N, C-alpha and C. Protein backbone atom coordinates (compact mmCIF):
# COMPACT_ATOMS: atom_id res chain seq x y z
N MET A 1 11.48 -15.72 83.42
CA MET A 1 10.47 -15.14 82.55
C MET A 1 11.19 -14.30 81.51
N THR A 2 10.80 -14.43 80.27
CA THR A 2 11.45 -13.68 79.21
C THR A 2 10.97 -12.25 79.20
N ILE A 3 11.72 -11.42 78.52
CA ILE A 3 11.37 -9.99 78.44
C ILE A 3 10.01 -9.82 77.78
N ARG A 4 9.74 -10.61 76.75
CA ARG A 4 8.46 -10.49 76.05
C ARG A 4 7.30 -10.87 76.97
N ALA A 5 7.44 -11.95 77.72
CA ALA A 5 6.38 -12.37 78.63
C ALA A 5 6.18 -11.32 79.72
N LEU A 6 7.28 -10.76 80.23
CA LEU A 6 7.19 -9.72 81.26
C LEU A 6 6.50 -8.49 80.71
N THR A 7 6.80 -8.12 79.48
CA THR A 7 6.17 -6.96 78.85
C THR A 7 4.67 -7.20 78.67
N LEU A 8 4.30 -8.39 78.20
CA LEU A 8 2.88 -8.69 78.01
C LEU A 8 2.13 -8.69 79.34
N THR A 9 2.74 -9.21 80.38
CA THR A 9 2.12 -9.21 81.71
C THR A 9 1.91 -7.79 82.20
N THR A 10 2.93 -6.95 82.05
CA THR A 10 2.84 -5.55 82.48
C THR A 10 1.74 -4.83 81.72
N LEU A 11 1.65 -5.06 80.41
CA LEU A 11 0.60 -4.42 79.61
C LEU A 11 -0.78 -4.87 80.05
N ALA A 12 -0.95 -6.15 80.33
CA ALA A 12 -2.26 -6.66 80.75
C ALA A 12 -2.68 -6.05 82.08
N VAL A 13 -1.75 -5.96 83.03
CA VAL A 13 -2.06 -5.37 84.34
C VAL A 13 -2.36 -3.89 84.18
N SER A 14 -1.58 -3.18 83.38
CA SER A 14 -1.81 -1.74 83.17
C SER A 14 -3.15 -1.49 82.52
N ALA A 15 -3.52 -2.32 81.55
CA ALA A 15 -4.81 -2.15 80.88
C ALA A 15 -5.94 -2.33 81.87
N GLY A 16 -5.80 -3.29 82.77
CA GLY A 16 -6.82 -3.51 83.79
C GLY A 16 -6.95 -2.32 84.71
N LEU A 17 -5.85 -1.72 85.12
CA LEU A 17 -5.88 -0.56 86.00
C LEU A 17 -6.49 0.64 85.30
N VAL A 18 -6.14 0.86 84.05
CA VAL A 18 -6.68 1.99 83.30
C VAL A 18 -8.19 1.84 83.14
N LEU A 19 -8.63 0.64 82.79
CA LEU A 19 -10.06 0.43 82.62
C LEU A 19 -10.83 0.58 83.93
N SER A 20 -10.25 0.15 85.03
CA SER A 20 -10.95 0.29 86.31
C SER A 20 -10.97 1.75 86.75
N ALA A 21 -9.98 2.52 86.40
CA ALA A 21 -9.96 3.93 86.77
C ALA A 21 -10.97 4.72 85.96
N CYS A 22 -11.30 4.26 84.78
CA CYS A 22 -12.25 4.97 83.92
C CYS A 22 -13.69 4.66 84.27
N SER A 23 -13.93 3.64 85.02
CA SER A 23 -15.31 3.28 85.33
C SER A 23 -15.82 4.13 86.48
N ASN A 24 -17.17 4.27 86.57
CA ASN A 24 -17.71 5.00 87.71
C ASN A 24 -18.17 4.01 88.75
N SER A 25 -18.42 4.45 89.91
CA SER A 25 -18.71 3.57 91.04
C SER A 25 -20.07 2.91 90.93
N SER A 26 -20.93 3.35 90.02
CA SER A 26 -22.25 2.75 89.92
C SER A 26 -22.27 1.54 88.98
N ASP A 27 -21.14 1.22 88.38
CA ASP A 27 -21.08 0.04 87.50
C ASP A 27 -21.30 -1.21 88.34
N THR A 28 -22.04 -2.15 87.80
CA THR A 28 -22.28 -3.40 88.51
C THR A 28 -21.48 -4.55 87.90
N ALA A 29 -20.58 -4.22 87.02
CA ALA A 29 -19.78 -5.25 86.35
C ALA A 29 -18.80 -5.86 87.34
N ALA A 30 -18.37 -7.03 87.03
CA ALA A 30 -17.40 -7.73 87.87
C ALA A 30 -16.09 -6.96 87.87
N PRO A 31 -15.32 -7.05 88.94
CA PRO A 31 -14.04 -6.36 89.00
C PRO A 31 -13.12 -6.88 87.91
N PRO A 32 -12.22 -6.02 87.42
CA PRO A 32 -11.31 -6.44 86.35
C PRO A 32 -10.42 -7.58 86.81
N SER A 33 -10.13 -8.48 85.89
CA SER A 33 -9.23 -9.58 86.22
C SER A 33 -7.88 -9.34 85.55
N THR A 34 -6.87 -9.94 86.08
CA THR A 34 -5.53 -9.80 85.55
C THR A 34 -5.18 -11.07 84.78
N THR A 35 -4.65 -10.91 83.58
CA THR A 35 -4.28 -12.04 82.74
C THR A 35 -2.78 -12.04 82.54
N THR A 36 -2.18 -13.19 82.71
CA THR A 36 -0.75 -13.32 82.47
C THR A 36 -0.57 -14.12 81.19
N ALA A 37 0.16 -13.55 80.27
CA ALA A 37 0.42 -14.22 78.99
C ALA A 37 1.78 -14.88 79.03
N THR A 38 1.83 -16.10 78.57
CA THR A 38 3.10 -16.81 78.47
C THR A 38 3.40 -17.02 77.00
N VAL A 39 4.58 -16.63 76.59
CA VAL A 39 4.99 -16.76 75.19
C VAL A 39 5.95 -17.92 75.08
N THR A 40 5.64 -18.84 74.19
CA THR A 40 6.50 -19.98 73.97
C THR A 40 7.02 -19.92 72.55
N ALA A 41 8.32 -20.02 72.40
CA ALA A 41 8.91 -20.00 71.06
C ALA A 41 8.66 -21.34 70.39
N GLU A 42 8.25 -21.30 69.13
CA GLU A 42 8.04 -22.52 68.38
C GLU A 42 9.35 -22.97 67.76
N ALA A 43 9.53 -24.27 67.71
CA ALA A 43 10.74 -24.81 67.08
C ALA A 43 10.67 -24.56 65.59
N THR A 44 11.78 -24.23 65.00
CA THR A 44 11.84 -24.04 63.56
C THR A 44 12.66 -25.15 62.96
N SER A 45 12.38 -25.47 61.73
CA SER A 45 13.17 -26.51 61.07
C SER A 45 14.49 -25.91 60.63
N PRO A 46 15.53 -26.73 60.59
CA PRO A 46 16.85 -26.22 60.20
C PRO A 46 16.85 -25.77 58.75
N ALA A 47 17.81 -24.93 58.43
CA ALA A 47 17.95 -24.45 57.06
C ALA A 47 18.30 -25.62 56.16
N PRO A 48 17.86 -25.60 54.92
CA PRO A 48 18.18 -26.69 54.01
C PRO A 48 19.69 -26.87 53.89
N SER A 49 20.12 -28.13 53.77
CA SER A 49 21.56 -28.40 53.71
C SER A 49 22.09 -28.40 52.29
N SER A 50 21.21 -28.40 51.31
CA SER A 50 21.71 -28.39 49.94
C SER A 50 20.76 -27.61 49.05
N SER A 51 21.27 -27.23 47.91
CA SER A 51 20.44 -26.47 46.97
C SER A 51 19.32 -27.34 46.42
N ALA A 52 19.49 -28.65 46.43
CA ALA A 52 18.42 -29.51 45.95
C ALA A 52 17.22 -29.43 46.88
N GLU A 53 17.46 -29.29 48.16
CA GLU A 53 16.36 -29.14 49.09
C GLU A 53 15.67 -27.80 48.90
N VAL A 54 16.42 -26.78 48.56
CA VAL A 54 15.84 -25.47 48.34
C VAL A 54 14.91 -25.52 47.15
N ALA A 55 15.29 -26.24 46.13
CA ALA A 55 14.49 -26.32 44.91
C ALA A 55 13.17 -27.05 45.14
N GLY A 56 13.06 -27.82 46.19
CA GLY A 56 11.83 -28.52 46.49
C GLY A 56 12.05 -30.01 46.55
N THR A 57 10.97 -30.71 46.74
CA THR A 57 11.09 -32.14 46.90
C THR A 57 10.94 -32.90 45.59
N GLU A 58 10.63 -32.22 44.53
CA GLU A 58 10.46 -32.88 43.24
C GLU A 58 11.81 -33.37 42.73
N GLU A 59 11.84 -34.63 42.30
CA GLU A 59 13.06 -35.16 41.73
C GLU A 59 12.92 -35.19 40.22
N ASP A 60 14.06 -35.22 39.56
CA ASP A 60 14.08 -35.37 38.11
C ASP A 60 13.37 -36.68 37.76
N PRO A 61 12.53 -36.69 36.73
CA PRO A 61 11.82 -37.91 36.35
C PRO A 61 12.74 -39.06 35.96
N ALA A 62 14.00 -38.78 35.65
CA ALA A 62 14.94 -39.85 35.30
C ALA A 62 15.11 -40.83 36.45
N PHE A 63 14.95 -40.36 37.69
CA PHE A 63 15.09 -41.26 38.84
C PHE A 63 14.00 -42.33 38.83
N GLY A 64 12.82 -42.01 38.33
CA GLY A 64 11.76 -43.00 38.21
C GLY A 64 12.14 -44.09 37.21
N ALA A 65 12.77 -43.68 36.10
CA ALA A 65 13.22 -44.65 35.10
C ALA A 65 14.32 -45.54 35.68
N ILE A 66 15.24 -44.92 36.42
CA ILE A 66 16.33 -45.69 37.05
C ILE A 66 15.75 -46.70 38.03
N ASP A 67 14.81 -46.26 38.86
CA ASP A 67 14.18 -47.17 39.82
C ASP A 67 13.47 -48.33 39.13
N ALA A 68 12.77 -48.03 38.02
CA ALA A 68 12.05 -49.08 37.28
C ALA A 68 13.02 -50.11 36.71
N VAL A 69 14.14 -49.65 36.16
CA VAL A 69 15.14 -50.56 35.59
C VAL A 69 15.74 -51.44 36.68
N LEU A 70 16.12 -50.83 37.80
CA LEU A 70 16.75 -51.61 38.87
C LEU A 70 15.76 -52.55 39.56
N ALA A 71 14.48 -52.20 39.56
CA ALA A 71 13.47 -53.11 40.10
C ALA A 71 13.29 -54.32 39.18
N ALA A 72 13.36 -54.09 37.87
CA ALA A 72 13.20 -55.17 36.90
C ALA A 72 14.46 -56.02 36.77
N HIS A 73 15.63 -55.42 37.07
CA HIS A 73 16.91 -56.12 36.90
C HIS A 73 17.75 -55.90 38.15
N ALA A 74 17.35 -56.56 39.22
CA ALA A 74 18.04 -56.42 40.51
C ALA A 74 19.52 -56.77 40.34
N GLY A 75 20.36 -55.96 40.93
CA GLY A 75 21.80 -56.17 40.84
C GLY A 75 22.42 -55.59 39.58
N GLY A 76 21.60 -55.03 38.72
CA GLY A 76 22.11 -54.42 37.49
C GLY A 76 22.84 -53.12 37.78
N VAL A 77 23.74 -52.75 36.87
CA VAL A 77 24.48 -51.49 36.97
C VAL A 77 24.21 -50.69 35.70
N ILE A 78 23.58 -49.55 35.87
CA ILE A 78 23.28 -48.69 34.73
C ILE A 78 24.57 -48.03 34.26
N VAL A 79 24.83 -48.11 32.94
CA VAL A 79 26.02 -47.48 32.38
C VAL A 79 25.68 -46.30 31.47
N SER A 80 24.39 -46.17 31.10
CA SER A 80 23.97 -44.97 30.38
C SER A 80 22.46 -44.82 30.47
N ILE A 81 22.04 -43.56 30.42
CA ILE A 81 20.62 -43.23 30.38
C ILE A 81 20.48 -41.98 29.52
N ASP A 82 19.52 -42.02 28.61
CA ASP A 82 19.33 -40.91 27.67
C ASP A 82 17.84 -40.65 27.53
N ARG A 83 17.44 -39.41 27.76
CA ARG A 83 16.03 -39.02 27.63
C ARG A 83 15.71 -38.74 26.17
N ASP A 84 14.63 -39.33 25.68
CA ASP A 84 14.14 -39.06 24.33
C ASP A 84 12.84 -38.27 24.49
N TYR A 85 12.93 -36.96 24.31
CA TYR A 85 11.77 -36.09 24.50
C TYR A 85 10.66 -36.36 23.49
N ARG A 86 11.06 -36.64 22.24
CA ARG A 86 10.06 -36.81 21.18
C ARG A 86 9.15 -38.00 21.44
N ASP A 87 9.75 -39.13 21.80
CA ASP A 87 8.96 -40.35 22.02
C ASP A 87 8.65 -40.59 23.49
N GLU A 88 8.99 -39.65 24.34
CA GLU A 88 8.71 -39.69 25.77
C GLU A 88 9.12 -41.01 26.43
N HIS A 89 10.40 -41.30 26.33
CA HIS A 89 10.94 -42.46 27.02
C HIS A 89 12.43 -42.23 27.30
N TYR A 90 13.00 -43.14 28.05
CA TYR A 90 14.44 -43.14 28.32
C TYR A 90 15.03 -44.37 27.67
N GLU A 91 16.21 -44.22 27.11
CA GLU A 91 16.99 -45.36 26.63
C GLU A 91 18.04 -45.62 27.69
N VAL A 92 18.04 -46.83 28.23
CA VAL A 92 18.91 -47.16 29.36
C VAL A 92 19.70 -48.41 29.01
N ASP A 93 21.01 -48.35 29.23
CA ASP A 93 21.86 -49.53 29.11
C ASP A 93 22.22 -49.96 30.52
N VAL A 94 21.94 -51.23 30.83
CA VAL A 94 22.22 -51.76 32.16
C VAL A 94 23.00 -53.06 32.02
N VAL A 95 24.06 -53.18 32.81
CA VAL A 95 24.87 -54.40 32.82
C VAL A 95 24.29 -55.34 33.87
N VAL A 96 23.93 -56.54 33.41
CA VAL A 96 23.42 -57.57 34.31
C VAL A 96 24.27 -58.81 34.04
N GLY A 97 25.12 -59.15 35.02
CA GLY A 97 26.04 -60.26 34.83
C GLY A 97 27.02 -59.95 33.72
N ASP A 98 27.03 -60.80 32.67
CA ASP A 98 27.94 -60.57 31.54
C ASP A 98 27.18 -60.10 30.30
N GLN A 99 26.02 -59.50 30.51
CA GLN A 99 25.20 -58.98 29.41
C GLN A 99 24.93 -57.50 29.60
N VAL A 100 24.85 -56.78 28.48
CA VAL A 100 24.42 -55.39 28.49
C VAL A 100 23.04 -55.36 27.84
N LEU A 101 22.04 -54.94 28.62
CA LEU A 101 20.68 -54.87 28.12
C LEU A 101 20.38 -53.45 27.67
N ASP A 102 19.89 -53.32 26.44
CA ASP A 102 19.44 -52.02 25.93
C ASP A 102 17.94 -51.95 26.17
N LEU A 103 17.53 -51.04 27.05
CA LEU A 103 16.13 -50.97 27.47
C LEU A 103 15.50 -49.65 27.08
N LYS A 104 14.18 -49.67 26.96
CA LYS A 104 13.38 -48.45 26.84
C LYS A 104 12.48 -48.41 28.07
N VAL A 105 12.41 -47.23 28.66
CA VAL A 105 11.54 -47.04 29.82
C VAL A 105 10.66 -45.84 29.51
N ASP A 106 9.34 -46.08 29.43
CA ASP A 106 8.45 -44.95 29.15
C ASP A 106 8.26 -44.12 30.42
N TYR A 107 7.64 -42.97 30.26
CA TYR A 107 7.49 -42.05 31.39
C TYR A 107 6.60 -42.63 32.49
N ALA A 108 5.84 -43.68 32.19
CA ALA A 108 5.01 -44.34 33.20
C ALA A 108 5.80 -45.41 33.95
N GLY A 109 7.05 -45.67 33.52
CA GLY A 109 7.89 -46.65 34.21
C GLY A 109 7.84 -48.05 33.63
N GLN A 110 7.23 -48.23 32.45
CA GLN A 110 7.18 -49.54 31.80
C GLN A 110 8.52 -49.80 31.10
N VAL A 111 9.12 -50.94 31.42
CA VAL A 111 10.44 -51.30 30.90
C VAL A 111 10.28 -52.34 29.79
N SER A 112 10.93 -52.09 28.64
CA SER A 112 10.94 -53.08 27.57
C SER A 112 12.37 -53.21 27.04
N GLU A 113 12.70 -54.43 26.64
CA GLU A 113 14.06 -54.70 26.17
C GLU A 113 14.13 -54.54 24.66
N ASP A 114 15.14 -53.78 24.20
CA ASP A 114 15.36 -53.59 22.76
C ASP A 114 16.39 -54.58 22.23
N ASP A 115 17.46 -54.79 23.01
CA ASP A 115 18.58 -55.57 22.50
C ASP A 115 19.42 -56.06 23.67
N ARG A 116 20.28 -57.03 23.38
CA ARG A 116 21.26 -57.55 24.34
C ARG A 116 22.59 -57.69 23.62
N ASP A 117 23.65 -57.41 24.34
CA ASP A 117 24.97 -57.69 23.78
C ASP A 117 25.92 -57.95 24.94
N SER A 118 27.15 -58.24 24.59
CA SER A 118 28.15 -58.50 25.64
C SER A 118 29.34 -57.57 25.44
N ASP A 119 29.06 -56.28 25.43
CA ASP A 119 30.09 -55.25 25.25
C ASP A 119 31.04 -55.29 26.45
N SER A 120 32.24 -55.82 26.21
CA SER A 120 33.20 -56.01 27.31
C SER A 120 33.62 -54.68 27.95
N ASP A 121 33.66 -53.60 27.17
CA ASP A 121 34.02 -52.30 27.74
C ASP A 121 32.97 -51.83 28.75
N ASP A 122 31.69 -51.93 28.38
CA ASP A 122 30.62 -51.53 29.31
C ASP A 122 30.63 -52.40 30.56
N ILE A 123 30.86 -53.69 30.40
CA ILE A 123 30.88 -54.60 31.55
C ILE A 123 32.04 -54.25 32.48
N ARG A 124 33.22 -54.00 31.91
CA ARG A 124 34.39 -53.63 32.72
C ARG A 124 34.14 -52.32 33.46
N LYS A 125 33.59 -51.32 32.76
CA LYS A 125 33.33 -50.03 33.40
C LYS A 125 32.32 -50.19 34.54
N ALA A 126 31.29 -51.01 34.32
CA ALA A 126 30.28 -51.24 35.37
C ALA A 126 30.91 -51.89 36.59
N GLN A 127 31.85 -52.81 36.37
CA GLN A 127 32.50 -53.49 37.49
C GLN A 127 33.43 -52.56 38.26
N ASN A 128 34.01 -51.58 37.58
CA ASN A 128 34.98 -50.68 38.23
C ASN A 128 34.35 -49.42 38.84
N ALA A 129 33.14 -49.10 38.47
CA ALA A 129 32.50 -47.89 38.99
C ALA A 129 32.06 -48.09 40.44
N THR A 130 32.33 -47.09 41.26
CA THR A 130 31.86 -47.13 42.65
C THR A 130 30.74 -46.12 42.89
N LEU A 131 30.52 -45.23 41.94
CA LEU A 131 29.44 -44.24 42.03
C LEU A 131 28.35 -44.62 41.03
N SER A 132 27.14 -44.81 41.52
CA SER A 132 26.04 -45.21 40.65
C SER A 132 25.58 -44.06 39.76
N ALA A 133 24.83 -44.42 38.74
CA ALA A 133 24.26 -43.40 37.84
C ALA A 133 23.39 -42.44 38.64
N ALA A 134 22.54 -42.97 39.51
CA ALA A 134 21.64 -42.11 40.30
C ALA A 134 22.42 -41.13 41.16
N ASP A 135 23.48 -41.61 41.81
CA ASP A 135 24.27 -40.72 42.67
C ASP A 135 25.01 -39.66 41.85
N ALA A 136 25.51 -40.03 40.69
CA ALA A 136 26.20 -39.06 39.83
C ALA A 136 25.22 -37.99 39.34
N ILE A 137 24.04 -38.42 38.95
CA ILE A 137 23.01 -37.46 38.49
C ILE A 137 22.61 -36.54 39.63
N ARG A 138 22.46 -37.10 40.82
CA ARG A 138 22.11 -36.29 41.99
C ARG A 138 23.18 -35.22 42.24
N GLN A 139 24.45 -35.60 42.13
CA GLN A 139 25.53 -34.63 42.33
C GLN A 139 25.45 -33.51 41.28
N ALA A 140 25.17 -33.88 40.05
CA ALA A 140 25.07 -32.88 38.98
C ALA A 140 23.90 -31.93 39.25
N LEU A 141 22.78 -32.47 39.70
CA LEU A 141 21.60 -31.64 39.97
C LEU A 141 21.78 -30.78 41.21
N GLU A 142 22.61 -31.22 42.15
CA GLU A 142 22.91 -30.37 43.32
C GLU A 142 23.70 -29.14 42.88
N GLN A 143 24.55 -29.30 41.87
CA GLN A 143 25.32 -28.17 41.35
C GLN A 143 24.46 -27.26 40.47
N HIS A 144 23.43 -27.83 39.84
CA HIS A 144 22.55 -27.08 38.93
C HIS A 144 21.10 -27.50 39.22
N PRO A 145 20.53 -27.00 40.32
CA PRO A 145 19.21 -27.47 40.76
C PRO A 145 18.07 -27.20 39.79
N ASP A 146 18.24 -26.28 38.85
CA ASP A 146 17.18 -26.03 37.88
C ASP A 146 17.32 -26.91 36.64
N GLY A 147 18.32 -27.78 36.64
CA GLY A 147 18.56 -28.63 35.49
C GLY A 147 17.67 -29.85 35.46
N VAL A 148 17.60 -30.47 34.28
CA VAL A 148 16.88 -31.71 34.05
C VAL A 148 17.83 -32.61 33.26
N LEU A 149 17.90 -33.87 33.65
CA LEU A 149 18.83 -34.78 32.97
C LEU A 149 18.47 -34.93 31.49
N ASP A 150 19.47 -34.76 30.64
CA ASP A 150 19.34 -35.10 29.22
C ASP A 150 19.94 -36.48 29.02
N ASP A 151 21.20 -36.66 29.44
CA ASP A 151 21.81 -37.98 29.37
C ASP A 151 22.97 -38.08 30.34
N ALA A 152 23.30 -39.32 30.66
CA ALA A 152 24.46 -39.63 31.51
C ALA A 152 25.07 -40.91 30.98
N GLU A 153 26.39 -40.91 30.87
CA GLU A 153 27.08 -42.09 30.36
C GLU A 153 28.35 -42.33 31.15
N LEU A 154 28.56 -43.58 31.52
CA LEU A 154 29.78 -43.98 32.19
C LEU A 154 30.85 -44.15 31.11
N ASP A 155 31.92 -43.37 31.20
CA ASP A 155 32.92 -43.38 30.15
C ASP A 155 34.31 -43.28 30.77
N GLU A 156 35.28 -43.70 30.00
CA GLU A 156 36.67 -43.61 30.44
C GLU A 156 37.36 -42.58 29.56
N ASP A 157 37.99 -41.61 30.21
CA ASP A 157 38.67 -40.55 29.48
C ASP A 157 40.06 -40.37 30.08
N ASN A 158 41.09 -40.59 29.28
CA ASN A 158 42.48 -40.51 29.74
C ASN A 158 42.73 -41.39 30.96
N GLY A 159 42.15 -42.59 30.92
CA GLY A 159 42.37 -43.55 31.99
C GLY A 159 41.53 -43.30 33.24
N ARG A 160 40.68 -42.28 33.22
CA ARG A 160 39.84 -41.98 34.39
C ARG A 160 38.40 -42.35 34.07
N LEU A 161 37.80 -43.14 34.95
CA LEU A 161 36.40 -43.53 34.81
C LEU A 161 35.53 -42.41 35.36
N GLN A 162 34.59 -41.93 34.55
CA GLN A 162 33.76 -40.80 34.99
C GLN A 162 32.38 -40.87 34.35
N TRP A 163 31.46 -40.18 34.99
CA TRP A 163 30.12 -40.00 34.44
C TRP A 163 30.11 -38.71 33.64
N GLU A 164 29.77 -38.81 32.36
CA GLU A 164 29.60 -37.63 31.52
C GLU A 164 28.10 -37.33 31.53
N ILE A 165 27.75 -36.19 32.12
CA ILE A 165 26.34 -35.86 32.33
C ILE A 165 26.00 -34.56 31.62
N SER A 166 24.90 -34.59 30.87
CA SER A 166 24.38 -33.40 30.20
C SER A 166 23.05 -33.05 30.83
N LEU A 167 22.93 -31.79 31.25
CA LEU A 167 21.67 -31.30 31.81
C LEU A 167 21.06 -30.28 30.86
N ASP A 168 19.75 -30.28 30.79
CA ASP A 168 19.00 -29.28 30.04
C ASP A 168 18.32 -28.35 31.04
N ASP A 169 17.87 -27.19 30.55
CA ASP A 169 17.05 -26.33 31.40
C ASP A 169 15.60 -26.80 31.28
N GLN A 170 14.69 -26.14 31.96
CA GLN A 170 13.29 -26.56 31.96
C GLN A 170 12.64 -26.46 30.58
N SER A 171 13.23 -25.68 29.68
CA SER A 171 12.70 -25.54 28.32
C SER A 171 13.36 -26.49 27.33
N ARG A 172 14.14 -27.44 27.84
CA ARG A 172 14.82 -28.46 27.05
C ARG A 172 16.00 -27.92 26.24
N ASN A 173 16.53 -26.78 26.63
CA ASN A 173 17.74 -26.24 26.00
C ASN A 173 18.95 -26.74 26.77
N ASP A 174 20.08 -26.92 26.06
CA ASP A 174 21.30 -27.36 26.73
C ASP A 174 21.66 -26.39 27.85
N LEU A 175 21.94 -26.94 29.03
CA LEU A 175 22.31 -26.12 30.18
C LEU A 175 23.79 -26.27 30.48
N VAL A 176 24.25 -27.50 30.71
CA VAL A 176 25.64 -27.71 31.10
C VAL A 176 26.02 -29.18 30.87
N GLU A 177 27.31 -29.39 30.66
CA GLU A 177 27.87 -30.74 30.60
C GLU A 177 28.87 -30.86 31.73
N LEU A 178 28.77 -31.94 32.48
CA LEU A 178 29.62 -32.15 33.65
C LEU A 178 30.30 -33.51 33.57
N ASN A 179 31.47 -33.60 34.18
CA ASN A 179 32.16 -34.87 34.36
C ASN A 179 32.27 -35.11 35.86
N ILE A 180 31.72 -36.24 36.30
CA ILE A 180 31.72 -36.59 37.72
C ILE A 180 32.52 -37.88 37.87
N PRO A 181 33.57 -37.89 38.70
CA PRO A 181 34.36 -39.11 38.89
C PRO A 181 33.47 -40.29 39.31
N ALA A 182 33.69 -41.44 38.70
CA ALA A 182 32.87 -42.62 38.97
C ALA A 182 33.50 -43.55 40.00
N ASN A 183 34.71 -43.22 40.44
CA ASN A 183 35.34 -44.04 41.49
C ASN A 183 36.34 -43.22 42.27
């Protein structure tokens, strides 16, 4: 029995004795009963493992655009995504096979194709990247949970393949630029 349960039991018994001592012998009420209280600790959920969990379950809307592109172009590899606040859409370049598709994705998730080309640099970078655009953006947002994606681009700098990510604050002001290794 825990100390708290023992304390509650003692208090309940004491209260019963005090109340019975205060009554007079002409009372016709039933004799006092003794109640034992049992205290059970409730399980608590573990502390959040990342700052993204602390910020809540809301994800950056860019993930919806990424999901829409990958649903429309299975097996595609996104090499850039750029939010256009004025026209409320994302411009996304995705490598599918030996083609680079320039897409627009509106905030409702509707995907439309603007252009196609065969940019060999984008295709090579897509083939060599082991970290997806979504995972790179997630890493950036874990470091800056109040940020919102402005743009992310797979680029090679001094022979190193990396994601160049720009985050804005909630008011659309520049927050930070990050480089996340892509392999």
